[in-house]
C-alpha atoms as a PDB file:
ATOM      1  CA  UNK A   1       0.210   5.347  22.921  1.00  0.00           C
ATOM      2  CA  UNK A   2      -2.514   2.871  23.868  1.00  0.00           C
ATOM      3  CA  UNK A   3      -3.330   0.178  21.303  1.00  0.00           C
ATOM      4  CA  UNK A   4      -6.971   1.289  20.991  1.00  0.00           C
ATOM      5  CA  UNK A   5      -5.999   4.905  20.373  1.00  0.00           C
ATOM      6  CA  UNK A   6      -3.379   3.803  17.864  1.00  0.00           C
ATOM      7  CA  UNK A   7      -6.002   1.753  15.996  1.00  0.00           C
ATOM      8  CA  UNK A   8      -8.396   4.723  15.964  1.00  0.00           C
ATOM      9  CA  UNK A   9      -5.695   6.936  14.462  1.00  0.00           C
ATOM     10  CA  UNK A  10      -4.943   4.322  11.801  1.00  0.00           C
ATOM     11  CA  UNK A  11      -8.628   4.155  10.859  1.00  0.00           C
ATOM     12  CA  UNK A  12      -8.846   7.939  10.617  1.00  0.00           C
ATOM     13  CA  UNK A  13      -5.905   7.989   8.201  1.00  0.00           C
ATOM     14  CA  UNK A  14      -7.972   5.697   5.957  1.00  0.00           C
ATOM     15  CA  UNK A  15     -10.583   8.461   5.838  1.00  0.00           C
ATOM     16  CA  UNK A  16      -8.178  11.008   4.397  1.00  0.00           C
ATOM     17  CA  UNK A  17      -6.411  12.502   7.408  1.00  0.00           C
ATOM     18  CA  UNK A  18      -2.646  12.352   7.700  1.00  0.00           C
ATOM     19  CA  UNK A  19      -1.174  10.938  10.917  1.00  0.00           C
ATOM     20  CA  UNK A  20      -0.584  14.323  12.552  1.00  0.00           C
ATOM     21  CA  UNK A  21      -4.134  15.461  11.757  1.00  0.00           C
ATOM     22  CA  UNK A  22      -5.564  12.237  13.168  1.00  0.00           C
ATOM     23  CA  UNK A  23      -3.539  12.582  16.372  1.00  0.00           C
ATOM     24  CA  UNK A  24      -4.621  16.201  16.861  1.00  0.00           C
ATOM     25  CA  UNK A  25      -8.281  15.388  16.185  1.00  0.00           C
ATOM     26  CA  UNK A  26      -8.292  12.479  18.663  1.00  0.00           C
ATOM     27  CA  UNK A  27      -6.551  14.654  21.258  1.00  0.00           C
ATOM     28  CA  UNK A  28      -9.190  17.363  20.867  1.00  0.00           C
ATOM     29  CA  UNK A  29     -12.021  14.824  21.122  1.00  0.00           C
ATOM     30  CA  UNK A  30     -10.513  13.664  24.413  1.00  0.00           C
ATOM     31  CA  UNK A  31      -9.733  17.184  25.679  1.00  0.00           C
ATOM     32  CA  UNK A  32     -11.606  19.921  23.767  1.00  0.00           C
ATOM     33  CA  UNK A  33     -10.911  23.646  23.898  1.00  0.00           C
ATOM     34  CA  UNK A  34      -7.153  23.676  24.479  1.00  0.00           C
ATOM     35  CA  UNK A  35      -4.335  25.719  22.949  1.00  0.00           C
ATOM     36  CA  UNK A  36      -2.032  24.595  20.149  1.00  0.00           C
ATOM     37  CA  UNK A  37       0.780  24.286  22.668  1.00  0.00           C
ATOM     38  CA  UNK A  38      -1.299  21.967  24.846  1.00  0.00           C
ATOM     39  CA  UNK A  39      -2.346  19.966  21.807  1.00  0.00           C
ATOM     40  CA  UNK A  40       1.316  19.390  20.960  1.00  0.00           C
ATOM     41  CA  UNK A  41       2.116  18.187  24.477  1.00  0.00           C
ATOM     42  CA  UNK A  42      -0.856  15.820  24.623  1.00  0.00           C
ATOM     43  CA  UNK A  43      -0.788  14.488  21.051  1.00  0.00           C
ATOM     44  CA  UNK A  44       2.921  13.950  20.531  1.00  0.00           C
ATOM     45  CA  UNK A  45       2.845  16.012  17.335  1.00  0.00           C
ATOM     46  CA  UNK A  46       6.007  18.152  17.091  1.00  0.00           C
ATOM     47  CA  UNK A  47       5.434  21.795  18.074  1.00  0.00           C
ATOM     48  CA  UNK A  48       6.886  22.856  14.725  1.00  0.00           C
ATOM     49  CA  UNK A  49       3.987  21.034  12.998  1.00  0.00           C
ATOM     50  CA  UNK A  50       1.129  21.942  15.324  1.00  0.00           C
ATOM     51  CA  UNK A  51      -0.005  25.228  13.763  1.00  0.00           C
ATOM     52  CA  UNK A  52       0.159  23.850  10.239  1.00  0.00           C
ATOM     53  CA  UNK A  53      -1.834  20.797  11.342  1.00  0.00           C
ATOM     54  CA  UNK A  54      -4.611  22.698  13.146  1.00  0.00           C
ATOM     55  CA  UNK A  55      -4.903  25.089  10.191  1.00  0.00           C
ATOM     56  CA  UNK A  56      -5.385  22.136   7.851  1.00  0.00           C
ATOM     57  CA  UNK A  57      -8.048  20.678  10.133  1.00  0.00           C
ATOM     58  CA  UNK A  58      -9.752  24.059  10.290  1.00  0.00           C
ATOM     59  CA  UNK A  59      -9.752  24.268   6.484  1.00  0.00           C
ATOM     60  CA  UNK A  60     -11.453  20.849   6.453  1.00  0.00           C
ATOM     61  CA  UNK A  61     -14.088  22.196   8.875  1.00  0.00           C
ATOM     62  CA  UNK A  62     -13.064  19.665  11.495  1.00  0.00           C
ATOM     63  CA  UNK A  63     -12.414  22.120  14.303  1.00  0.00           C
ATOM     64  CA  UNK A  64     -13.487  25.558  15.464  1.00  0.00           C
ATOM     65  CA  UNK A  65     -11.298  28.365  16.812  1.00  0.00           C
ATOM     66  CA  UNK A  66     -12.405  29.693  20.179  1.00  0.00           C
ATOM     67  CA  UNK A  67     -11.233  32.972  21.704  1.00  0.00           C
ATOM     68  CA  UNK A  68      -8.196  34.978  20.699  1.00  0.00           C
ATOM     69  CA  UNK A  69      -5.730  35.301  23.577  1.00  0.00           C
ATOM     70  CA  UNK A  70      -4.806  32.538  23.475  1.00  0.00           C
ATOM     71  CA  UNK A  71      -6.676  30.804  20.652  1.00  0.00           C
ATOM     72  CA  UNK A  72      -8.205  27.483  21.681  1.00  0.00           C
ATOM     73  CA  UNK A  73      -9.502  24.722  19.451  1.00  0.00           C
ATOM     74  CA  UNK A  74     -12.747  22.722  19.594  1.00  0.00           C
ATOM     75  CA  UNK A  75     -13.343  19.659  17.346  1.00  0.00           C
ATOM     76  CA  UNK A  76     -16.563  18.902  15.538  1.00  0.00           C
ATOM     77  CA  UNK A  77     -18.251  15.785  16.999  1.00  0.00           C
ATOM     78  CA  UNK A  78     -17.016  12.473  15.633  1.00  0.00           C
ATOM     79  CA  UNK A  79     -20.499  11.453  14.483  1.00  0.00           C
ATOM     80  CA  UNK A  80     -20.851  14.674  12.488  1.00  0.00           C
ATOM     81  CA  UNK A  81     -17.485  14.058  10.815  1.00  0.00           C
ATOM     82  CA  UNK A  82     -18.358  10.447   9.958  1.00  0.00           C
ATOM     83  CA  UNK A  83     -21.800  11.335   8.578  1.00  0.00           C
ATOM     84  CA  UNK A  84     -20.316  14.068   6.406  1.00  0.00           C
ATOM     85  CA  UNK A  85     -17.589  11.724   5.158  1.00  0.00           C
ATOM     86  CA  UNK A  86     -20.195   9.063   4.353  1.00  0.00           C
ATOM     87  CA  UNK A  87     -22.374  11.487   2.367  1.00  0.00           C
ATOM     88  CA  UNK A  88     -19.416  12.885   0.444  1.00  0.00           C
ATOM     89  CA  UNK A  89     -18.132   9.405  -0.366  1.00  0.00           C
ATOM     90  CA  UNK A  90     -21.538   8.150  -1.489  1.00  0.00           C
ATOM     91  CA  UNK A  91     -21.929  11.217  -3.704  1.00  0.00           C
ATOM     92  CA  UNK A  92     -18.490  10.638  -5.269  1.00  0.00           C
ATOM     93  CA  UNK A  93     -19.203   6.955  -5.880  1.00  0.00           C
ATOM     94  CA  UNK A  94     -22.553   7.747  -7.490  1.00  0.00           C
ATOM     95  CA  UNK A  95     -21.014  10.421  -9.701  1.00  0.00           C
ATOM     96  CA  UNK A  96     -18.144   8.199 -10.845  1.00  0.00           C
ATOM     97  CA  UNK A  97     -20.453   5.295 -11.642  1.00  0.00           C
ATOM     98  CA  UNK A  98     -22.704   7.544 -13.696  1.00  0.00           C
ATOM     99  CA  UNK A  99     -19.978   9.472 -15.505  1.00  0.00           C
ATOM    100  CA  UNK A 100     -17.054   7.084 -15.960  1.00  0.00           C
ATOM    101  CA  UNK A 101     -18.705   3.822 -16.962  1.00  0.00           C
ATOM    102  CA  UNK A 102     -17.790   4.329 -20.639  1.00  0.00           C
ATOM    103  CA  UNK A 103     -14.327   5.823 -20.212  1.00  0.00           C
ATOM    104  CA  UNK A 104     -12.444   2.545 -20.028  1.00  0.00           C
ATOM    105  CA  UNK A 105     -14.244  -0.630 -21.032  1.00  0.00           C
ATOM    106  CA  UNK A 106     -11.049  -2.466 -21.905  1.00  0.00           C
ATOM    107  CA  UNK A 107     -10.713  -5.826 -20.217  1.00  0.00           C
ATOM    108  CA  UNK A 108      -7.547  -6.429 -18.246  1.00  0.00           C
ATOM    109  CA  UNK A 109      -6.792  -9.484 -20.323  1.00  0.00           C
ATOM    110  CA  UNK A 110      -3.023  -9.538 -19.945  1.00  0.00           C
ATOM    111  CA  UNK A 111      -2.703  -8.296 -16.390  1.00  0.00           C
ATOM    112  CA  UNK A 112      -2.002 -10.479 -13.391  1.00  0.00           C
ATOM    113  CA  UNK A 113      -2.745  -8.801 -10.091  1.00  0.00           C
ATOM    114  CA  UNK A 114      -0.870 -10.100  -7.074  1.00  0.00           C
ATOM    115  CA  UNK A 115      -2.711  -9.964  -3.754  1.00  0.00           C
ATOM    116  CA  UNK A 116      -0.919 -10.328  -0.443  1.00  0.00           C
ATOM    117  CA  UNK A 117      -2.367 -11.258   2.933  1.00  0.00           C
ATOM    118  CA  UNK A 118      -5.500 -13.142   3.939  1.00  0.00           C
ATOM    119  CA  UNK A 119      -7.737 -10.057   4.008  1.00  0.00           C
ATOM    120  CA  UNK A 120      -6.821  -8.909   0.486  1.00  0.00           C
ATOM    121  CA  UNK A 121      -7.318 -12.434  -0.866  1.00  0.00           C
ATOM    122  CA  UNK A 122     -10.708 -12.905   0.810  1.00  0.00           C
ATOM    123  CA  UNK A 123     -11.887  -9.440  -0.265  1.00  0.00           C
ATOM    124  CA  UNK A 124     -11.149 -10.217  -3.915  1.00  0.00           C
ATOM    125  CA  UNK A 125     -12.726 -13.676  -3.692  1.00  0.00           C
ATOM    126  CA  UNK A 126     -15.900 -12.242  -2.162  1.00  0.00           C
ATOM    127  CA  UNK A 127     -15.970  -9.482  -4.766  1.00  0.00           C
ATOM    128  CA  UNK A 128     -15.773 -12.042  -7.583  1.00  0.00           C
ATOM    129  CA  UNK A 129     -18.508 -14.196  -6.064  1.00  0.00           C
ATOM    130  CA  UNK A 130     -20.645 -11.138  -5.346  1.00  0.00           C
ATOM    131  CA  UNK A 131     -20.407  -9.937  -8.960  1.00  0.00           C
ATOM    132  CA  UNK A 132     -20.841 -13.304 -10.676  1.00  0.00           C
ATOM    133  CA  UNK A 133     -23.849 -13.333 -12.993  1.00  0.00           C
ATOM    134  CA  UNK A 134     -23.761 -16.766 -14.640  1.00  0.00           C
ATOM    135  CA  UNK A 135     -21.383 -19.245 -13.062  1.00  0.00           C
ATOM    136  CA  UNK A 136     -18.995 -19.920 -10.179  1.00  0.00           C
ATOM    137  CA  UNK A 137     -16.508 -22.779 -10.230  1.00  0.00           C
ATOM    138  CA  UNK A 138     -14.707 -23.127  -6.923  1.00  0.00           C
ATOM    139  CA  UNK A 139     -12.012 -25.513  -5.660  1.00  0.00           C
ATOM    140  CA  UNK A 140     -11.731 -24.941  -1.917  1.00  0.00           C
ATOM    141  CA  UNK A 141     -10.899 -26.359   1.493  1.00  0.00           C
ATOM    142  CA  UNK A 142     -13.777 -26.824   3.935  1.00  0.00           C
ATOM    143  CA  UNK A 143     -12.680 -24.036   6.306  1.00  0.00           C
ATOM    144  CA  UNK A 144     -12.580 -21.468   3.503  1.00  0.00           C
ATOM    145  CA  UNK A 145     -15.883 -22.751   2.101  1.00  0.00           C
ATOM    146  CA  UNK A 146     -17.554 -22.052   5.440  1.00  0.00           C
ATOM    147  CA  UNK A 147     -16.221 -18.488   5.407  1.00  0.00           C
ATOM    148  CA  UNK A 148     -17.659 -17.959   1.913  1.00  0.00           C
ATOM    149  CA  UNK A 149     -20.963 -19.725   2.580  1.00  0.00           C
ATOM    150  CA  UNK A 150     -23.111 -16.594   2.944  1.00  0.00           C
ATOM    151  CA  UNK A 151     -21.630 -15.131  -0.251  1.00  0.00           C
ATOM    152  CA  UNK A 152     -22.421 -18.347  -2.124  1.00  0.00           C
ATOM    153  CA  UNK A 153     -25.977 -18.344  -0.766  1.00  0.00           C
ATOM    154  CA  UNK A 154     -26.542 -14.857  -2.184  1.00  0.00           C
ATOM    155  CA  UNK A 155     -25.077 -15.889  -5.544  1.00  0.00           C
ATOM    156  CA  UNK A 156     -27.336 -18.938  -5.600  1.00  0.00           C
ATOM    157  CA  UNK A 157     -30.354 -16.730  -4.900  1.00  0.00           C
ATOM    158  CA  UNK A 158     -29.379 -14.609  -7.935  1.00  0.00           C
ATOM    159  CA  UNK A 159     -29.593 -17.738 -10.084  1.00  0.00           C
ATOM    160  CA  UNK A 160     -25.848 -18.209 -10.523  1.00  0.00           C
ATOM    161  CA  UNK A 161     -24.716 -21.752 -11.312  1.00  0.00           C
ATOM    162  CA  UNK A 162     -22.364 -22.930  -8.552  1.00  0.00           C
ATOM    163  CA  UNK A 163     -20.012 -25.904  -8.767  1.00  0.00           C
ATOM    164  CA  UNK A 164     -17.602 -26.615  -5.895  1.00  0.00           C
ATOM    165  CA  UNK A 165     -14.885 -29.139  -5.198  1.00  0.00           C
ATOM    166  CA  UNK A 166     -14.370 -29.352  -1.439  1.00  0.00           C
ATOM    167  CA  UNK A 167     -11.393 -30.717   0.467  1.00  0.00           C
ATOM    168  CA  UNK A 168     -12.799 -31.980   3.762  1.00  0.00           C
ATOM    169  CA  UNK A 169     -16.431 -32.058   4.881  1.00  0.00           C
ATOM    170  CA  UNK A 170     -19.122 -29.402   5.104  1.00  0.00           C
ATOM    171  CA  UNK A 171     -22.596 -29.420   6.607  1.00  0.00           C
ATOM    172  CA  UNK A 172     -24.391 -27.074   4.214  1.00  0.00           C
ATOM    173  CA  UNK A 173     -24.033 -27.426   0.468  1.00  0.00           C
ATOM    174  CA  UNK A 174     -24.771 -24.764  -2.147  1.00  0.00           C
ATOM    175  CA  UNK A 175     -25.090 -25.829  -5.781  1.00  0.00           C
ATOM    176  CA  UNK A 176     -23.297 -28.963  -6.934  1.00  0.00           C
ATOM    177  CA  UNK A 177     -20.620 -30.125  -4.505  1.00  0.00           C
ATOM    178  CA  UNK A 178     -17.906 -32.712  -5.114  1.00  0.00           C
ATOM    179  CA  UNK A 179     -15.660 -34.075  -2.356  1.00  0.00           C
ATOM    180  CA  UNK A 180     -12.010 -34.718  -3.116  1.00  0.00           C
ATOM    181  CA  UNK A 181     -10.152 -37.753  -1.792  1.00  0.00           C
ATOM    182  CA  UNK A 182      -8.281 -36.512   1.294  1.00  0.00           C
ATOM    183  CA  UNK A 183      -5.613 -39.087   2.188  1.00  0.00           C
ATOM    184  CA  UNK A 184      -2.315 -37.326   2.930  1.00  0.00           C
ATOM    185  CA  UNK A 185      -3.586 -33.959   1.741  1.00  0.00           C
ATOM    186  CA  UNK A 186      -3.997 -32.329   5.146  1.00  0.00           C
ATOM    187  CA  UNK A 187      -0.302 -32.892   5.902  1.00  0.00           C
ATOM    188  CA  UNK A 188       0.636 -31.352   2.562  1.00  0.00           C
ATOM    189  CA  UNK A 189      -1.661 -28.389   3.190  1.00  0.00           C
ATOM    190  CA  UNK A 190      -0.185 -27.833   6.629  1.00  0.00           C
ATOM    191  CA  UNK A 191       3.265 -27.635   5.060  1.00  0.00           C
ATOM    192  CA  UNK A 192       2.480 -25.710   1.872  1.00  0.00           C
ATOM    193  CA  UNK A 193      -0.831 -23.949   2.483  1.00  0.00           C
ATOM    194  CA  UNK A 194      -4.449 -24.527   1.525  1.00  0.00           C
ATOM    195  CA  UNK A 195      -5.184 -23.605  -2.055  1.00  0.00           C
ATOM    196  CA  UNK A 196      -8.311 -22.054  -3.519  1.00  0.00           C
ATOM    197  CA  UNK A 197      -9.188 -21.836  -7.211  1.00  0.00           C
ATOM    198  CA  UNK A 198     -12.040 -19.700  -8.514  1.00  0.00           C
ATOM    199  CA  UNK A 199     -13.417 -18.991 -11.983  1.00  0.00           C
ATOM    200  CA  UNK A 200     -16.488 -16.759 -12.429  1.00  0.00           C
ATOM    201  CA  UNK A 201     -18.561 -16.220 -15.576  1.00  0.00           C
ATOM    202  CA  UNK A 202     -15.745 -17.703 -17.697  1.00  0.00           C
ATOM    203  CA  UNK A 203     -14.218 -14.225 -17.582  1.00  0.00           C
ATOM    204  CA  UNK A 204     -11.891 -14.008 -14.563  1.00  0.00           C
ATOM    205  CA  UNK A 205      -9.963 -16.401 -12.392  1.00  0.00           C
ATOM    206  CA  UNK A 206      -8.047 -16.486  -9.145  1.00  0.00           C
ATOM    207  CA  UNK A 207      -5.589 -18.896  -7.566  1.00  0.00           C
ATOM    208  CA  UNK A 208      -4.797 -18.417  -3.889  1.00  0.00           C
ATOM    209  CA  UNK A 209      -2.712 -20.068  -1.187  1.00  0.00           C
ATOM    210  CA  UNK A 210      -3.735 -19.555   2.443  1.00  0.00           C
ATOM    211  CA  UNK A 211      -0.879 -20.162   4.862  1.00  0.00           C
ATOM    212  CA  UNK A 212      -0.664 -18.500   8.267  1.00  0.00           C
ATOM    213  CA  UNK A 213       0.807 -15.012   7.746  1.00  0.00           C
ATOM    214  CA  UNK A 214       1.946 -15.700   4.174  1.00  0.00           C
ATOM    215  CA  UNK A 215      -1.314 -15.927   2.197  1.00  0.00           C
ATOM    216  CA  UNK A 216      -1.248 -14.728  -1.400  1.00  0.00           C
ATOM    217  CA  UNK A 217      -3.209 -14.881  -4.638  1.00  0.00           C
ATOM    218  CA  UNK A 218      -3.059 -14.115  -8.343  1.00  0.00           C
ATOM    219  CA  UNK A 219      -6.101 -12.706 -10.169  1.00  0.00           C
ATOM    220  CA  UNK A 220      -6.357 -12.334 -13.930  1.00  0.00           C
ATOM    221  CA  UNK A 221      -8.541 -12.349 -17.024  1.00  0.00           C
ATOM    222  CA  UNK A 222      -5.721 -13.872 -19.032  1.00  0.00           C
ATOM    223  CA  UNK A 223      -7.213 -16.730 -21.078  1.00  0.00           C
ATOM    224  CA  UNK A 224      -4.244 -19.054 -20.674  1.00  0.00           C
ATOM    225  CA  UNK A 225      -4.163 -18.729 -16.901  1.00  0.00           C
ATOM    226  CA  UNK A 226      -7.941 -19.102 -16.761  1.00  0.00           C
ATOM    227  CA  UNK A 227      -7.744 -22.314 -18.795  1.00  0.00           C
ATOM    228  CA  UNK A 228      -5.145 -23.687 -16.384  1.00  0.00           C
ATOM    229  CA  UNK A 229      -7.382 -22.874 -13.418  1.00  0.00           C
ATOM    230  CA  UNK A 230     -10.407 -24.438 -15.113  1.00  0.00           C
ATOM    231  CA  UNK A 231      -8.366 -27.559 -15.869  1.00  0.00           C
ATOM    232  CA  UNK A 232      -7.289 -27.770 -12.218  1.00  0.00           C
ATOM    233  CA  UNK A 233     -10.912 -27.643 -11.049  1.00  0.00           C
ATOM    234  CA  UNK A 234     -12.115 -30.038 -13.766  1.00  0.00           C
ATOM    235  CA  UNK A 235      -9.343 -32.507 -12.907  1.00  0.00           C
ATOM    236  CA  UNK A 236     -10.446 -32.484  -9.264  1.00  0.00           C
ATOM    237  CA  UNK A 237     -14.052 -33.152 -10.301  1.00  0.00           C
ATOM    238  CA  UNK A 238     -12.890 -36.124 -12.385  1.00  0.00           C
ATOM    239  CA  UNK A 239     -10.884 -37.499  -9.466  1.00  0.00           C
ATOM    240  CA  UNK A 240     -13.818 -37.049  -7.104  1.00  0.00           C
ATOM    241  CA  UNK A 241     -16.302 -38.838  -9.352  1.00  0.00           C
ATOM    242  CA  UNK A 242     -13.951 -41.651 -10.350  1.00  0.00           C
ATOM    243  CA  UNK A 243     -12.888 -42.353  -6.759  1.00  0.00           C
ATOM    244  CA  UNK A 244     -16.486 -42.297  -5.588  1.00  0.00           C
ATOM    245  CA  UNK A 245     -17.411 -45.136  -7.939  1.00  0.00           C
ATOM    246  CA  UNK A 246     -14.201 -47.099  -8.533  1.00  0.00           C
ATOM    247  CA  UNK A 247     -12.059 -46.616  -5.415  1.00  0.00           C
ATOM    248  CA  UNK A 248     -11.581 -50.335  -4.703  1.00  0.00           C
ATOM    249  CA  UNK A 249     -10.615 -51.075  -8.307  1.00  0.00           C
ATOM    250  CA  UNK A 250      -8.227 -48.110  -8.423  1.00  0.00           C
ATOM    251  CA  UNK A 251      -6.532 -49.154  -5.182  1.00  0.00           C
ATOM    252  CA  UNK A 252      -6.089 -52.661  -6.536  1.00  0.00           C
ATOM    253  CA  UNK A 253      -4.698 -51.518  -9.892  1.00  0.00           C
ATOM    254  CA  UNK A 254      -2.608 -48.483  -8.870  1.00  0.00           C
ATOM    255  CA  UNK A 255      -2.062 -48.958  -5.144  1.00  0.00           C
ATOM    256  CA  UNK A 256      -3.633 -47.013  -2.274  1.00  0.00           C
ATOM    257  CA  UNK A 257      -3.885 -43.301  -3.088  1.00  0.00           C
ATOM    258  CA  UNK A 258      -2.542 -44.020  -6.612  1.00  0.00           C
ATOM    259  CA  UNK A 259       0.837 -44.818  -5.093  1.00  0.00           C
ATOM    260  CA  UNK A 260       2.164 -46.655  -8.169  1.00  0.00           C
ATOM    261  CA  UNK A 261       1.591 -43.549 -10.287  1.00  0.00           C
ATOM    262  CA  UNK A 262       2.739 -41.014  -7.692  1.00  0.00           C
ATOM    263  CA  UNK A 263       6.110 -42.663  -7.087  1.00  0.00           C
ATOM    264  CA  UNK A 264       6.952 -42.126 -10.769  1.00  0.00           C
ATOM    265  CA  UNK A 265       6.427 -38.403 -10.490  1.00  0.00           C
ATOM    266  CA  UNK A 266       8.641 -35.763  -8.850  1.00  0.00           C
ATOM    267  CA  UNK A 267       5.529 -33.708  -8.003  1.00  0.00           C
ATOM    268  CA  UNK A 268       2.009 -34.350  -6.732  1.00  0.00           C
END
């Protein structure tokens, strides 16, 4: 199966079709008005599953039966299917928002949700930023900041207070931006991943590590975890401000990059 066709089938399964249904539908779009036997040969769906699959698609009004000896099948146009799916989904979303808003107002205070993969992490981060009403505190590397820039612009336009600590340099700043001392940190990030801390509206927090194919994050409304995340961000702001004004004195007293302190610690 070609990669493009495989990707199309995967996307169709996200819209509620099972894999056999998606394969049959794509086959019929490519070659309409063929028999169930021909569909099986072209689609790769086992012959024992073909009739069950086309009947299910017919019940979903996704294909039409043509003739009787033998019966042939014609799919509805893809655009018609997508438009219908969009309308049905929008209707369901509207109904649920209007009718379920008071069913469960409990905060997920003790839950920690684990996110895996760069896409899941970024989706949750953007959702948090997009729903922030009062404040956003963000500790982030420059590359990730650039990816989130448009989301931060929209939050700023809504009047949300934005405070960021950035590792590296950026060209466009939103809100108050602090720059963290960078010596030796890029090497550490290359080895262990680039972290991102986010707290929005003092009500939810996220800590994420972005590393090649092994990105992950933890999201929670747990007060203890949120306090730890806030302390991490606040600590970085302190370091940024102190280094900006007293770097020469700090290097003289504690060694370059606080070496005299760091060598006493097994971490950091």
